[in-house]
Amino acid sequence: MQYEYFQDQIVHWPQEGRHILAHYDHAHIVVYQAYRDSIADHALAHQRFGGDFSFSRMSWIKPNFLWMMFRAGWASKEGQERILAITLRRTFFDRLLAAAVASGYQGSGFDSREAWQNAVAGSDVRLQWDPDHDPFGATVQRRAVQLGLRGLTLEEYGTTAIVGIEDMTAFVREQHAHVIGDCARLILPRERVYVPHADAARNVGLAP
């Protein structure tokens, strides 16, 4: 994992519009999830999900670190005390994007509600573009993506698709203390705009 001061990163981030901000290299991309101790401990020990993790409900992944910090309250919310960084192959992540269907009909791109409902029923991946957040939790104009996984896709994600799982909890709590003033001392995983392959980008509204 590469890290960079928040103030050095934000000059590279778009201020508005839909963008996937992520920590990635030529082959891999990192997504984040927050869990209670029993799920996190099992995932770290086995480098895959299992134990108390439920494969029967939808699980949401976020490639944007600050979105995860907002959702988990910097590891302070009940049941979200442990922050995990899950490394995936970019080919798998792009496949998720290509299969994703918007979680709501409005803005989904479908011509009719029936067509959207049929697409939802046939896909294991949900797409949401939500307001991104600054370190203090305030919304910004930029939109961040999160993906909901279920069924066979969730099983693949939780087991064979994982390249590695890292516990970010201590880092998160350390950096939360630097969310003051202009956040000059705040360090985050290095994130830049991620560009998926053409079909995936088109499906999630990142390309014409």
C-alpha atoms as a PDB file:
ATOM      1  CA  MET A   1       0.000   0.000   0.000  1.00  0.00           C
ATOM      2  CA  GLN A   2       1.293   3.451  -0.924  1.00  0.00           C
ATOM      3  CA  TYR A   3       0.372   6.482   1.175  1.00  0.00           C
ATOM      4  CA  GLU A   4       0.325  10.202   0.549  1.00  0.00           C
ATOM      5  CA  TYR A   5      -0.638  13.336   2.440  1.00  0.00           C
ATOM      6  CA  PHE A   6      -4.266  14.278   1.918  1.00  0.00           C
ATOM      7  CA  GLN A   7      -3.328  17.832   0.944  1.00  0.00           C
ATOM      8  CA  ASP A   8      -0.975  16.516  -1.758  1.00  0.00           C
ATOM      9  CA  GLN A   9      -3.664  14.237  -3.171  1.00  0.00           C
ATOM     10  CA  ILE A  10      -6.628  16.559  -3.450  1.00  0.00           C
ATOM     11  CA  VAL A  11      -4.947  18.641  -6.144  1.00  0.00           C
ATOM     12  CA  HIS A  12      -5.204  15.557  -8.409  1.00  0.00           C
ATOM     13  CA  TRP A  13      -8.854  14.792  -7.613  1.00  0.00           C
ATOM     14  CA  PRO A  14     -11.769  16.080  -9.710  1.00  0.00           C
ATOM     15  CA  GLN A  15     -14.017  18.412  -7.738  1.00  0.00           C
ATOM     16  CA  GLU A  16     -17.330  17.279  -9.255  1.00  0.00           C
ATOM     17  CA  GLY A  17     -18.913  14.600 -11.405  1.00  0.00           C
ATOM     18  CA  ARG A  18     -18.782  10.808 -11.234  1.00  0.00           C
ATOM     19  CA  HIS A  19     -15.320   9.387 -10.654  1.00  0.00           C
ATOM     20  CA  ILE A  20     -13.853   6.200  -9.222  1.00  0.00           C
ATOM     21  CA  LEU A  21     -11.094   7.268  -6.854  1.00  0.00           C
ATOM     22  CA  ALA A  22      -9.029   4.260  -5.845  1.00  0.00           C
ATOM     23  CA  HIS A  23      -5.668   2.886  -4.812  1.00  0.00           C
ATOM     24  CA  TYR A  24      -4.507   0.697  -7.711  1.00  0.00           C
ATOM     25  CA  ASP A  25      -1.629  -0.396  -9.912  1.00  0.00           C
ATOM     26  CA  HIS A  26      -1.437  -2.026 -13.348  1.00  0.00           C
ATOM     27  CA  ALA A  27      -2.954  -5.310 -12.125  1.00  0.00           C
ATOM     28  CA  HIS A  28      -4.774  -4.723  -8.821  1.00  0.00           C
ATOM     29  CA  ILE A  29      -7.238  -2.415  -7.089  1.00  0.00           C
ATOM     30  CA  VAL A  30      -8.072  -2.021  -3.393  1.00  0.00           C
ATOM     31  CA  VAL A  31     -11.617  -1.871  -1.987  1.00  0.00           C
ATOM     32  CA  TYR A  32     -12.674  -1.325   1.623  1.00  0.00           C
ATOM     33  CA  GLN A  33     -15.162  -2.891   3.997  1.00  0.00           C
ATOM     34  CA  ALA A  34     -15.861  -2.476   7.722  1.00  0.00           C
ATOM     35  CA  TYR A  35     -16.824  -5.339  10.049  1.00  0.00           C
ATOM     36  CA  ARG A  36     -16.996  -6.478  13.644  1.00  0.00           C
ATOM     37  CA  ASP A  37     -14.055  -8.320  15.164  1.00  0.00           C
ATOM     38  CA  SER A  38     -15.215 -11.894  14.514  1.00  0.00           C
ATOM     39  CA  ILE A  39     -15.607 -11.357  10.757  1.00  0.00           C
ATOM     40  CA  ALA A  40     -12.411  -9.331  10.435  1.00  0.00           C
ATOM     41  CA  ASP A  41     -10.301 -11.799  12.418  1.00  0.00           C
ATOM     42  CA  HIS A  42     -11.483 -14.745  10.314  1.00  0.00           C
ATOM     43  CA  ALA A  43     -10.886 -12.860   7.060  1.00  0.00           C
ATOM     44  CA  LEU A  44      -7.363 -11.873   8.070  1.00  0.00           C
ATOM     45  CA  ALA A  45      -6.444 -15.333   9.318  1.00  0.00           C
ATOM     46  CA  HIS A  46      -7.738 -17.123   6.208  1.00  0.00           C
ATOM     47  CA  GLN A  47      -7.318 -14.324   3.624  1.00  0.00           C
ATOM     48  CA  ARG A  48     -10.883 -14.936   2.542  1.00  0.00           C
ATOM     49  CA  PHE A  49     -14.317 -14.407   4.065  1.00  0.00           C
ATOM     50  CA  GLY A  50     -16.116 -17.022   6.084  1.00  0.00           C
ATOM     51  CA  GLY A  51     -17.107 -17.772   9.663  1.00  0.00           C
ATOM     52  CA  ASP A  52     -19.697 -15.175  10.728  1.00  0.00           C
ATOM     53  CA  PHE A  53     -19.655 -13.518   7.300  1.00  0.00           C
ATOM     54  CA  SER A  54     -23.015 -13.974   5.542  1.00  0.00           C
ATOM     55  CA  PHE A  55     -22.987 -15.003   1.894  1.00  0.00           C
ATOM     56  CA  SER A  56     -26.808 -14.878   1.847  1.00  0.00           C
ATOM     57  CA  ARG A  57     -27.126 -11.087   2.055  1.00  0.00           C
ATOM     58  CA  MET A  58     -25.793  -8.269  -0.105  1.00  0.00           C
ATOM     59  CA  SER A  59     -22.337  -6.961   0.797  1.00  0.00           C
ATOM     60  CA  TRP A  60     -21.124  -3.510  -0.312  1.00  0.00           C
ATOM     61  CA  ILE A  61     -17.575  -2.657  -1.352  1.00  0.00           C
ATOM     62  CA  LYS A  62     -16.073   0.815  -1.698  1.00  0.00           C
ATOM     63  CA  PRO A  63     -12.849   1.713  -3.552  1.00  0.00           C
ATOM     64  CA  ASN A  64     -12.828   5.222  -2.044  1.00  0.00           C
ATOM     65  CA  PHE A  65     -11.127   5.421   1.377  1.00  0.00           C
ATOM     66  CA  LEU A  66     -12.841   8.596   2.619  1.00  0.00           C
ATOM     67  CA  TRP A  67     -16.270   7.245   1.641  1.00  0.00           C
ATOM     68  CA  MET A  68     -15.504   4.233   3.844  1.00  0.00           C
ATOM     69  CA  MET A  69     -14.364   6.513   6.659  1.00  0.00           C
ATOM     70  CA  PHE A  70     -17.645   8.435   6.473  1.00  0.00           C
ATOM     71  CA  ARG A  71     -19.694   5.238   6.474  1.00  0.00           C
ATOM     72  CA  ALA A  72     -17.796   3.663   9.383  1.00  0.00           C
ATOM     73  CA  GLY A  73     -17.171   6.859  11.344  1.00  0.00           C
ATOM     74  CA  TRP A  74     -13.433   6.257  11.163  1.00  0.00           C
ATOM     75  CA  ALA A  75     -13.910   2.787  12.731  1.00  0.00           C
ATOM     76  CA  SER A  76     -16.124   4.089  15.520  1.00  0.00           C
ATOM     77  CA  LYS A  77     -19.564   2.750  14.569  1.00  0.00           C
ATOM     78  CA  GLU A  78     -20.913  -0.432  16.113  1.00  0.00           C
ATOM     79  CA  GLY A  79     -20.229  -3.448  13.918  1.00  0.00           C
ATOM     80  CA  GLN A  80     -17.789  -1.417  11.797  1.00  0.00           C
ATOM     81  CA  GLU A  81     -14.902  -1.185  14.232  1.00  0.00           C
ATOM     82  CA  ARG A  82     -12.471  -2.971  11.926  1.00  0.00           C
ATOM     83  CA  ILE A  83     -11.498  -1.572   8.532  1.00  0.00           C
ATOM     84  CA  LEU A  84     -10.262  -4.067   5.952  1.00  0.00           C
ATOM     85  CA  ALA A  85      -8.474  -3.294   2.697  1.00  0.00           C
ATOM     86  CA  ILE A  86      -9.190  -6.036   0.165  1.00  0.00           C
ATOM     87  CA  THR A  87      -6.966  -6.286  -2.892  1.00  0.00           C
ATOM     88  CA  LEU A  88      -8.665  -7.553  -6.052  1.00  0.00           C
ATOM     89  CA  ARG A  89      -7.531  -8.111  -9.600  1.00  0.00           C
ATOM     90  CA  ARG A  90      -8.535  -5.258 -11.851  1.00  0.00           C
ATOM     91  CA  THR A  91     -10.009  -7.735 -14.320  1.00  0.00           C
ATOM     92  CA  PHE A  92     -12.437  -8.939 -11.634  1.00  0.00           C
ATOM     93  CA  PHE A  93     -13.320  -5.409 -10.505  1.00  0.00           C
ATOM     94  CA  ASP A  94     -13.993  -4.332 -14.091  1.00  0.00           C
ATOM     95  CA  ARG A  95     -16.184  -7.393 -14.510  1.00  0.00           C
ATOM     96  CA  LEU A  96     -18.221  -6.211 -11.523  1.00  0.00           C
ATOM     97  CA  LEU A  97     -18.633  -2.793 -13.097  1.00  0.00           C
ATOM     98  CA  ALA A  98     -19.678  -4.306 -16.418  1.00  0.00           C
ATOM     99  CA  ALA A  99     -22.365  -6.408 -14.673  1.00  0.00           C
ATOM    100  CA  ALA A 100     -23.624  -3.674 -12.321  1.00  0.00           C
ATOM    101  CA  VAL A 101     -27.218  -2.436 -12.407  1.00  0.00           C
ATOM    102  CA  ALA A 102     -28.248   0.808 -10.718  1.00  0.00           C
ATOM    103  CA  SER A 103     -29.950   0.239  -7.353  1.00  0.00           C
ATOM    104  CA  GLY A 104     -32.762   2.670  -8.285  1.00  0.00           C
ATOM    105  CA  TYR A 105     -34.733   3.214 -11.466  1.00  0.00           C
ATOM    106  CA  GLN A 106     -34.219   6.985 -11.576  1.00  0.00           C
ATOM    107  CA  GLY A 107     -31.017   7.668 -13.478  1.00  0.00           C
ATOM    108  CA  SER A 108     -30.516   3.976 -14.251  1.00  0.00           C
ATOM    109  CA  GLY A 109     -30.434   4.524 -18.014  1.00  0.00           C
ATOM    110  CA  PHE A 110     -33.250   2.056 -18.707  1.00  0.00           C
ATOM    111  CA  ASP A 111     -36.167   3.076 -20.876  1.00  0.00           C
ATOM    112  CA  SER A 112     -38.779   1.537 -18.585  1.00  0.00           C
ATOM    113  CA  ARG A 113     -39.137   0.445 -14.969  1.00  0.00           C
ATOM    114  CA  GLU A 114     -39.887  -3.085 -16.163  1.00  0.00           C
ATOM    115  CA  ALA A 115     -36.624  -3.254 -18.104  1.00  0.00           C
ATOM    116  CA  TRP A 116     -34.732  -2.023 -15.048  1.00  0.00           C
ATOM    117  CA  GLN A 117     -36.467  -4.559 -12.782  1.00  0.00           C
ATOM    118  CA  ASN A 118     -35.584  -7.373 -15.178  1.00  0.00           C
ATOM    119  CA  ALA A 119     -31.967  -6.230 -15.200  1.00  0.00           C
ATOM    120  CA  VAL A 120     -31.904  -6.110 -11.396  1.00  0.00           C
ATOM    121  CA  ALA A 121     -33.279  -9.630 -11.194  1.00  0.00           C
ATOM    122  CA  GLY A 122     -30.623 -10.903 -13.599  1.00  0.00           C
ATOM    123  CA  SER A 123     -27.569  -9.281 -12.011  1.00  0.00           C
ATOM    124  CA  ASP A 124     -25.653 -10.015  -8.816  1.00  0.00           C
ATOM    125  CA  VAL A 125     -24.135  -6.516  -8.735  1.00  0.00           C
ATOM    126  CA  ARG A 126     -25.791  -3.250  -7.628  1.00  0.00           C
ATOM    127  CA  LEU A 127     -24.397   0.167  -8.452  1.00  0.00           C
ATOM    128  CA  GLN A 128     -24.731   3.361  -6.430  1.00  0.00           C
ATOM    129  CA  TRP A 129     -23.208   6.755  -7.112  1.00  0.00           C
ATOM    130  CA  ASP A 130     -23.257   8.568  -3.779  1.00  0.00           C
ATOM    131  CA  PRO A 131     -21.929  11.947  -2.661  1.00  0.00           C
ATOM    132  CA  ASP A 132     -18.254  11.713  -1.809  1.00  0.00           C
ATOM    133  CA  HIS A 133     -17.105  13.138   1.524  1.00  0.00           C
ATOM    134  CA  ASP A 134     -14.240  15.138   2.929  1.00  0.00           C
ATOM    135  CA  PRO A 135     -12.291  13.904   5.992  1.00  0.00           C
ATOM    136  CA  PHE A 136     -14.788  15.599   8.340  1.00  0.00           C
ATOM    137  CA  GLY A 137     -17.729  13.762   6.757  1.00  0.00           C
ATOM    138  CA  ALA A 138     -19.148  16.725   4.837  1.00  0.00           C
ATOM    139  CA  THR A 139     -20.462  15.996   1.355  1.00  0.00           C
ATOM    140  CA  VAL A 140     -18.623  17.301  -1.712  1.00  0.00           C
ATOM    141  CA  GLN A 141     -19.786  17.785  -5.297  1.00  0.00           C
ATOM    142  CA  ARG A 142     -17.899  14.733  -6.568  1.00  0.00           C
ATOM    143  CA  ARG A 143     -19.733  11.388  -6.690  1.00  0.00           C
ATOM    144  CA  ALA A 144     -18.200   8.140  -5.397  1.00  0.00           C
ATOM    145  CA  VAL A 145     -19.122   4.599  -6.399  1.00  0.00           C
ATOM    146  CA  GLN A 146     -20.051   1.642  -4.241  1.00  0.00           C
ATOM    147  CA  LEU A 147     -20.991  -1.823  -5.437  1.00  0.00           C
ATOM    148  CA  GLY A 148     -23.352  -4.277  -3.768  1.00  0.00           C
ATOM    149  CA  LEU A 149     -22.597  -7.955  -4.342  1.00  0.00           C
ATOM    150  CA  ARG A 150     -24.818 -10.982  -3.848  1.00  0.00           C
ATOM    151  CA  GLY A 151     -25.220 -14.612  -4.896  1.00  0.00           C
ATOM    152  CA  LEU A 152     -22.471 -16.376  -6.822  1.00  0.00           C
ATOM    153  CA  THR A 153     -20.652 -13.100  -7.420  1.00  0.00           C
ATOM    154  CA  LEU A 154     -20.423 -12.478  -3.676  1.00  0.00           C
ATOM    155  CA  GLU A 155     -19.134 -16.011  -3.152  1.00  0.00           C
ATOM    156  CA  GLU A 156     -16.459 -15.464  -5.799  1.00  0.00           C
ATOM    157  CA  TYR A 157     -15.526 -12.084  -4.336  1.00  0.00           C
ATOM    158  CA  GLY A 158     -15.294 -13.422  -0.793  1.00  0.00           C
ATOM    159  CA  THR A 159     -13.128 -16.410  -1.672  1.00  0.00           C
ATOM    160  CA  THR A 160     -11.276 -16.898  -4.946  1.00  0.00           C
ATOM    161  CA  ALA A 161     -11.210 -13.284  -6.194  1.00  0.00           C
ATOM    162  CA  ILE A 162      -9.237 -11.971  -3.228  1.00  0.00           C
ATOM    163  CA  VAL A 163      -5.524 -11.359  -3.704  1.00  0.00           C
ATOM    164  CA  GLY A 164      -4.962 -10.197  -0.130  1.00  0.00           C
ATOM    165  CA  ILE A 165      -6.653  -8.685   2.937  1.00  0.00           C
ATOM    166  CA  GLU A 166      -4.992  -6.099   5.185  1.00  0.00           C
ATOM    167  CA  ASP A 167      -6.162  -4.725   8.544  1.00  0.00           C
ATOM    168  CA  MET A 168      -6.273  -0.919   8.304  1.00  0.00           C
ATOM    169  CA  THR A 169      -7.834  -0.303  11.723  1.00  0.00           C
ATOM    170  CA  ALA A 170      -4.762   0.944  13.606  1.00  0.00           C
ATOM    171  CA  PHE A 171      -3.851   3.232  10.696  1.00  0.00           C
ATOM    172  CA  VAL A 172      -7.413   4.584  10.544  1.00  0.00           C
ATOM    173  CA  ARG A 173      -7.499   5.445  14.239  1.00  0.00           C
ATOM    174  CA  GLU A 174      -4.072   7.030  14.068  1.00  0.00           C
ATOM    175  CA  GLN A 175      -5.013   9.198  11.099  1.00  0.00           C
ATOM    176  CA  HIS A 176      -8.381  10.179  12.552  1.00  0.00           C
ATOM    177  CA  ALA A 177      -6.477  12.215  15.122  1.00  0.00           C
ATOM    178  CA  HIS A 178      -5.147  14.319  12.233  1.00  0.00           C
ATOM    179  CA  VAL A 179      -8.620  15.288  10.998  1.00  0.00           C
ATOM    180  CA  ILE A 180      -8.306  18.791  12.407  1.00  0.00           C
ATOM    181  CA  GLY A 181      -7.856  22.228  10.877  1.00  0.00           C
ATOM    182  CA  ASP A 182      -6.653  21.938   7.302  1.00  0.00           C
ATOM    183  CA  CYS A 183      -5.744  18.236   7.758  1.00  0.00           C
ATOM    184  CA  ALA A 184      -2.106  19.074   6.989  1.00  0.00           C
ATOM    185  CA  ARG A 185      -0.844  15.946   8.797  1.00  0.00           C
ATOM    186  CA  LEU A 186      -3.509  13.581   7.465  1.00  0.00           C
ATOM    187  CA  ILE A 187      -2.148  10.665   5.421  1.00  0.00           C
ATOM    188  CA  LEU A 188      -4.353   8.436   3.280  1.00  0.00           C
ATOM    189  CA  PRO A 189      -3.844   5.559   0.854  1.00  0.00           C
ATOM    190  CA  ARG A 190      -2.728   7.115  -2.423  1.00  0.00           C
ATOM    191  CA  GLU A 191      -5.785   7.463  -4.671  1.00  0.00           C
ATOM    192  CA  ARG A 192      -6.171   8.634  -8.241  1.00  0.00           C
ATOM    193  CA  VAL A 193      -9.004   8.438 -10.764  1.00  0.00           C
ATOM    194  CA  TYR A 194      -9.442   4.844 -11.890  1.00  0.00           C
ATOM    195  CA  VAL A 195     -10.446   4.250 -15.509  1.00  0.00           C
ATOM    196  CA  PRO A 196     -12.014   0.815 -16.159  1.00  0.00           C
ATOM    197  CA  HIS A 197     -12.127  -0.889 -19.523  1.00  0.00           C
ATOM    198  CA  ALA A 198     -14.513   0.570 -22.085  1.00  0.00           C
ATOM    199  CA  ASP A 199     -17.491  -1.764 -21.553  1.00  0.00           C
ATOM    200  CA  ALA A 200     -17.335  -1.383 -17.782  1.00  0.00           C
ATOM    201  CA  ALA A 201     -16.961   2.397 -18.019  1.00  0.00           C
ATOM    202  CA  ARG A 202     -19.913   2.671 -20.369  1.00  0.00           C
ATOM    203  CA  ASN A 203     -22.121   0.508 -18.147  1.00  0.00           C
ATOM    204  CA  VAL A 204     -21.587   2.651 -15.049  1.00  0.00           C
ATOM    205  CA  GLY A 205     -21.946   5.960 -16.835  1.00  0.00           C
ATOM    206  CA  LEU A 206     -18.296   6.938 -17.140  1.00  0.00           C
ATOM    207  CA  ALA A 207     -18.213   6.901 -20.928  1.00  0.00           C
ATOM    208  CA  PRO A 208     -20.623   7.899 -23.728  1.00  0.00           C
END
